[in-house]
């Protein structure tokens, strides 16, 4: 089982690309997006146990130079077009 969290990151505006790269290099971080709006970056963190979020987010991500603050949202379920297509697939390859 994989547990996902969406981490909203406020970063030093002069270091956003460097912060994004450093965060993306952390184990457990699968994607980092530079975004518009109230935050500078959004990171997707995926781990096997809830306790692992502390290792990735509190012990590593929050300590990246240039990270000013974070807000973490743990996902209950995932809904996507891709998941629905897989669930209803008949196993036929489209050509």
N, C-alpha and C. Protein backbone atom coordinates (compact mmCIF):
# COMPACT_ATOMS: atom_id res chain seq x y z
N UNK A 1 0.84 -1.18 0.00
CA UNK A 1 0.00 0.00 0.00
C UNK A 1 0.88 1.24 0.00
N UNK A 2 0.49 2.24 -0.77
CA UNK A 2 1.22 3.51 -0.82
C UNK A 2 0.28 4.60 -0.31
N UNK A 3 0.83 5.45 0.55
CA UNK A 3 0.07 6.57 1.11
C UNK A 3 0.64 7.85 0.48
N UNK A 4 -0.24 8.72 0.03
CA UNK A 4 0.19 9.94 -0.65
C UNK A 4 -0.11 11.17 0.18
N UNK A 5 0.76 12.16 0.04
CA UNK A 5 0.54 13.46 0.66
C UNK A 5 0.87 14.54 -0.36
N UNK A 6 0.12 15.61 -0.30
CA UNK A 6 0.38 16.79 -1.11
C UNK A 6 0.97 17.82 -0.16
N UNK A 7 2.18 18.30 -0.47
CA UNK A 7 2.85 19.25 0.40
C UNK A 7 2.94 20.59 -0.32
N UNK A 8 2.28 21.59 0.26
CA UNK A 8 2.35 22.95 -0.27
C UNK A 8 3.56 23.62 0.35
N UNK A 9 4.41 24.21 -0.49
CA UNK A 9 5.69 24.74 -0.02
C UNK A 9 5.81 26.23 -0.33
N UNK A 10 6.11 27.01 0.70
CA UNK A 10 6.50 28.40 0.51
C UNK A 10 8.02 28.43 0.51
N UNK A 11 8.58 29.07 -0.52
CA UNK A 11 10.04 29.07 -0.69
C UNK A 11 10.56 30.49 -0.86
N UNK A 12 11.84 30.63 -0.59
CA UNK A 12 12.53 31.90 -0.86
C UNK A 12 12.41 32.14 -2.36
N UNK A 13 11.78 33.25 -2.73
CA UNK A 13 11.47 33.51 -4.14
C UNK A 13 12.72 33.53 -5.02
N UNK A 14 13.86 33.88 -4.48
CA UNK A 14 15.10 33.91 -5.26
C UNK A 14 15.70 32.53 -5.46
N UNK A 15 15.15 31.53 -4.78
CA UNK A 15 15.73 30.18 -4.83
C UNK A 15 14.73 29.10 -5.25
N UNK A 16 13.61 29.48 -5.81
CA UNK A 16 12.57 28.50 -6.14
C UNK A 16 13.10 27.35 -7.01
N UNK A 17 13.82 27.60 -8.09
CA UNK A 17 14.30 26.45 -8.89
C UNK A 17 15.24 25.53 -8.12
N UNK A 18 16.12 26.10 -7.31
CA UNK A 18 17.05 25.28 -6.52
C UNK A 18 16.32 24.49 -5.44
N UNK A 19 15.34 25.13 -4.80
CA UNK A 19 14.54 24.44 -3.79
C UNK A 19 13.77 23.29 -4.44
N UNK A 20 13.16 23.54 -5.59
CA UNK A 20 12.40 22.50 -6.29
C UNK A 20 13.28 21.30 -6.63
N UNK A 21 14.48 21.55 -7.11
CA UNK A 21 15.39 20.46 -7.46
C UNK A 21 15.82 19.68 -6.23
N UNK A 22 16.13 20.39 -5.14
CA UNK A 22 16.55 19.71 -3.90
C UNK A 22 15.42 18.86 -3.33
N UNK A 23 14.21 19.38 -3.36
CA UNK A 23 13.05 18.63 -2.86
C UNK A 23 12.79 17.42 -3.75
N UNK A 24 12.88 17.59 -5.06
CA UNK A 24 12.64 16.49 -5.99
C UNK A 24 13.64 15.34 -5.80
N UNK A 25 14.83 15.65 -5.29
CA UNK A 25 15.86 14.63 -5.09
C UNK A 25 15.66 13.81 -3.82
N UNK A 26 14.71 14.20 -2.96
CA UNK A 26 14.49 13.48 -1.71
C UNK A 26 13.78 12.16 -1.95
N UNK A 27 14.20 11.11 -1.24
CA UNK A 27 13.50 9.83 -1.30
C UNK A 27 12.08 10.02 -0.80
N UNK A 28 11.12 9.50 -1.52
CA UNK A 28 9.71 9.62 -1.16
C UNK A 28 8.99 10.72 -1.92
N UNK A 29 9.73 11.66 -2.48
CA UNK A 29 9.13 12.73 -3.27
C UNK A 29 9.09 12.26 -4.72
N UNK A 30 7.88 12.21 -5.29
CA UNK A 30 7.75 11.70 -6.65
C UNK A 30 7.65 12.80 -7.70
N UNK A 31 7.09 13.95 -7.31
CA UNK A 31 6.98 15.07 -8.24
C UNK A 31 7.05 16.37 -7.46
N UNK A 32 7.52 17.42 -8.13
CA UNK A 32 7.49 18.77 -7.58
C UNK A 32 7.02 19.69 -8.70
N UNK A 33 6.03 20.52 -8.38
CA UNK A 33 5.47 21.44 -9.36
C UNK A 33 5.71 22.87 -8.91
N UNK A 34 6.14 23.72 -9.81
CA UNK A 34 6.19 25.15 -9.58
C UNK A 34 4.83 25.69 -9.99
N UNK A 35 4.17 26.43 -9.09
CA UNK A 35 2.78 26.82 -9.33
C UNK A 35 2.55 28.30 -9.06
N UNK A 36 1.41 28.78 -9.53
CA UNK A 36 0.97 30.12 -9.20
C UNK A 36 0.02 30.03 -8.01
N UNK A 37 -0.22 31.16 -7.37
CA UNK A 37 -1.18 31.17 -6.27
C UNK A 37 -0.51 31.47 -4.94
N UNK A 38 -1.07 30.92 -3.89
CA UNK A 38 -0.63 31.22 -2.53
C UNK A 38 0.65 30.52 -2.12
N UNK A 39 1.07 29.50 -2.85
CA UNK A 39 2.31 28.78 -2.54
C UNK A 39 3.21 28.79 -3.77
N UNK A 40 4.47 28.46 -3.55
CA UNK A 40 5.44 28.48 -4.65
C UNK A 40 5.63 27.13 -5.32
N UNK A 41 5.56 26.07 -4.51
CA UNK A 41 5.79 24.72 -5.02
C UNK A 41 4.78 23.76 -4.41
N UNK A 42 4.48 22.70 -5.13
CA UNK A 42 3.68 21.61 -4.60
C UNK A 42 4.46 20.33 -4.84
N UNK A 43 4.65 19.56 -3.76
CA UNK A 43 5.37 18.29 -3.86
C UNK A 43 4.42 17.14 -3.57
N UNK A 44 4.56 16.08 -4.32
CA UNK A 44 3.82 14.84 -4.07
C UNK A 44 4.77 13.90 -3.35
N UNK A 45 4.34 13.45 -2.17
CA UNK A 45 5.15 12.53 -1.37
C UNK A 45 4.39 11.22 -1.24
N UNK A 46 5.07 10.12 -1.53
CA UNK A 46 4.43 8.80 -1.44
C UNK A 46 5.31 7.89 -0.60
N UNK A 47 4.70 7.32 0.44
CA UNK A 47 5.41 6.45 1.37
C UNK A 47 4.58 5.20 1.67
N UNK A 48 5.15 4.26 2.35
CA UNK A 48 4.45 3.01 2.68
C UNK A 48 3.76 3.06 4.04
N UNK A 49 4.29 3.87 4.97
CA UNK A 49 3.71 3.96 6.32
C UNK A 49 3.54 5.43 6.70
N UNK A 50 2.52 5.72 7.48
CA UNK A 50 2.30 7.10 7.92
C UNK A 50 3.53 7.66 8.63
N UNK A 51 4.22 6.83 9.39
CA UNK A 51 5.40 7.26 10.13
C UNK A 51 6.50 7.77 9.20
N UNK A 52 6.52 7.28 7.97
CA UNK A 52 7.54 7.69 7.01
C UNK A 52 7.39 9.15 6.58
N UNK A 53 6.18 9.70 6.72
CA UNK A 53 6.01 11.12 6.40
C UNK A 53 6.91 11.99 7.27
N UNK A 54 7.09 11.61 8.53
CA UNK A 54 7.96 12.38 9.42
C UNK A 54 9.39 12.39 8.90
N UNK A 55 9.86 11.24 8.40
CA UNK A 55 11.22 11.17 7.87
C UNK A 55 11.39 12.05 6.64
N UNK A 56 10.42 11.99 5.74
CA UNK A 56 10.54 12.71 4.47
C UNK A 56 10.24 14.21 4.66
N UNK A 57 9.13 14.53 5.30
CA UNK A 57 8.69 15.92 5.36
C UNK A 57 9.36 16.69 6.50
N UNK A 58 9.20 16.21 7.73
CA UNK A 58 9.74 16.95 8.87
C UNK A 58 11.27 16.91 8.92
N UNK A 59 11.85 15.74 8.67
CA UNK A 59 13.29 15.59 8.83
C UNK A 59 14.11 16.00 7.62
N UNK A 60 13.50 16.03 6.43
CA UNK A 60 14.27 16.34 5.23
C UNK A 60 13.73 17.55 4.47
N UNK A 61 12.49 17.47 4.01
CA UNK A 61 11.93 18.51 3.16
C UNK A 61 11.93 19.88 3.86
N UNK A 62 11.48 19.91 5.11
CA UNK A 62 11.42 21.18 5.83
C UNK A 62 12.79 21.77 6.11
N UNK A 63 13.84 20.97 5.97
CA UNK A 63 15.20 21.44 6.23
C UNK A 63 15.96 21.83 4.98
N UNK A 64 15.32 21.73 3.82
CA UNK A 64 15.95 22.16 2.57
C UNK A 64 16.16 23.66 2.63
N UNK A 65 17.38 24.10 2.31
CA UNK A 65 17.69 25.53 2.32
C UNK A 65 16.78 26.27 1.35
N UNK A 66 16.06 27.25 1.85
CA UNK A 66 15.15 28.02 1.01
C UNK A 66 13.69 27.69 1.25
N UNK A 67 13.39 26.60 1.97
CA UNK A 67 12.00 26.28 2.33
C UNK A 67 11.63 27.15 3.53
N UNK A 68 10.61 27.98 3.36
CA UNK A 68 10.18 28.89 4.42
C UNK A 68 9.04 28.32 5.25
N UNK A 69 8.25 27.41 4.67
CA UNK A 69 7.14 26.80 5.38
C UNK A 69 6.43 25.80 4.51
N UNK A 70 5.71 24.88 5.15
CA UNK A 70 4.97 23.87 4.41
C UNK A 70 3.61 23.64 5.04
N UNK A 71 2.71 23.10 4.25
CA UNK A 71 1.40 22.64 4.71
C UNK A 71 1.16 21.29 4.05
N UNK A 72 0.93 20.26 4.86
CA UNK A 72 0.82 18.90 4.34
C UNK A 72 -0.62 18.42 4.37
N UNK A 73 -1.05 17.82 3.27
CA UNK A 73 -2.41 17.28 3.14
C UNK A 73 -2.29 15.81 2.76
N UNK A 74 -2.69 14.91 3.67
CA UNK A 74 -2.63 13.48 3.41
C UNK A 74 -3.87 13.06 2.65
N UNK A 75 -3.67 12.31 1.57
CA UNK A 75 -4.77 11.89 0.70
C UNK A 75 -5.44 10.64 1.27
N UNK A 76 -6.79 10.63 1.23
CA UNK A 76 -7.56 9.45 1.62
C UNK A 76 -7.73 8.50 0.44
N UNK A 77 -8.08 9.06 -0.71
CA UNK A 77 -8.31 8.28 -1.93
C UNK A 77 -7.77 9.05 -3.12
N UNK A 78 -7.54 8.31 -4.18
CA UNK A 78 -7.09 8.92 -5.42
C UNK A 78 -8.13 8.64 -6.50
N UNK A 79 -8.52 9.68 -7.21
CA UNK A 79 -9.45 9.54 -8.33
C UNK A 79 -8.78 10.13 -9.55
N UNK A 80 -8.71 9.35 -10.61
CA UNK A 80 -8.15 9.89 -11.85
C UNK A 80 -8.72 9.12 -13.02
N UNK A 81 -8.68 9.74 -14.17
CA UNK A 81 -9.15 9.10 -15.39
C UNK A 81 -8.37 7.82 -15.65
N UNK A 82 -7.07 7.86 -15.40
CA UNK A 82 -6.21 6.69 -15.61
C UNK A 82 -6.67 5.53 -14.74
N UNK A 83 -6.95 5.78 -13.45
CA UNK A 83 -7.39 4.72 -12.55
C UNK A 83 -8.72 4.12 -13.01
N UNK A 84 -9.64 4.97 -13.46
CA UNK A 84 -10.94 4.48 -13.92
C UNK A 84 -10.79 3.63 -15.17
N UNK A 85 -9.92 4.05 -16.08
CA UNK A 85 -9.70 3.28 -17.29
C UNK A 85 -9.13 1.91 -16.96
N UNK A 86 -8.21 1.83 -16.01
CA UNK A 86 -7.62 0.55 -15.61
C UNK A 86 -8.67 -0.35 -14.97
N UNK A 87 -9.54 0.24 -14.16
CA UNK A 87 -10.56 -0.54 -13.46
C UNK A 87 -11.56 -1.16 -14.43
N UNK A 88 -11.85 -0.48 -15.54
CA UNK A 88 -12.85 -0.95 -16.48
C UNK A 88 -12.24 -1.57 -17.73
N UNK A 89 -10.94 -1.74 -17.74
CA UNK A 89 -10.26 -2.31 -18.90
C UNK A 89 -10.62 -3.78 -19.07
N UNK A 90 -10.80 -4.17 -20.31
CA UNK A 90 -11.08 -5.58 -20.61
C UNK A 90 -9.80 -6.33 -20.94
N UNK A 91 -8.66 -5.63 -20.87
CA UNK A 91 -7.40 -6.27 -21.18
C UNK A 91 -7.09 -6.29 -22.64
N UNK A 92 -7.84 -5.58 -23.45
CA UNK A 92 -7.59 -5.53 -24.88
C UNK A 92 -6.64 -4.39 -25.19
N UNK A 93 -5.65 -4.65 -26.00
CA UNK A 93 -4.73 -3.60 -26.43
C UNK A 93 -5.35 -2.85 -27.59
N UNK A 94 -5.30 -1.51 -27.48
CA UNK A 94 -5.79 -0.70 -28.58
C UNK A 94 -4.66 -0.48 -29.56
N UNK A 95 -4.96 -0.55 -30.84
CA UNK A 95 -3.93 -0.36 -31.86
C UNK A 95 -4.13 0.92 -32.59
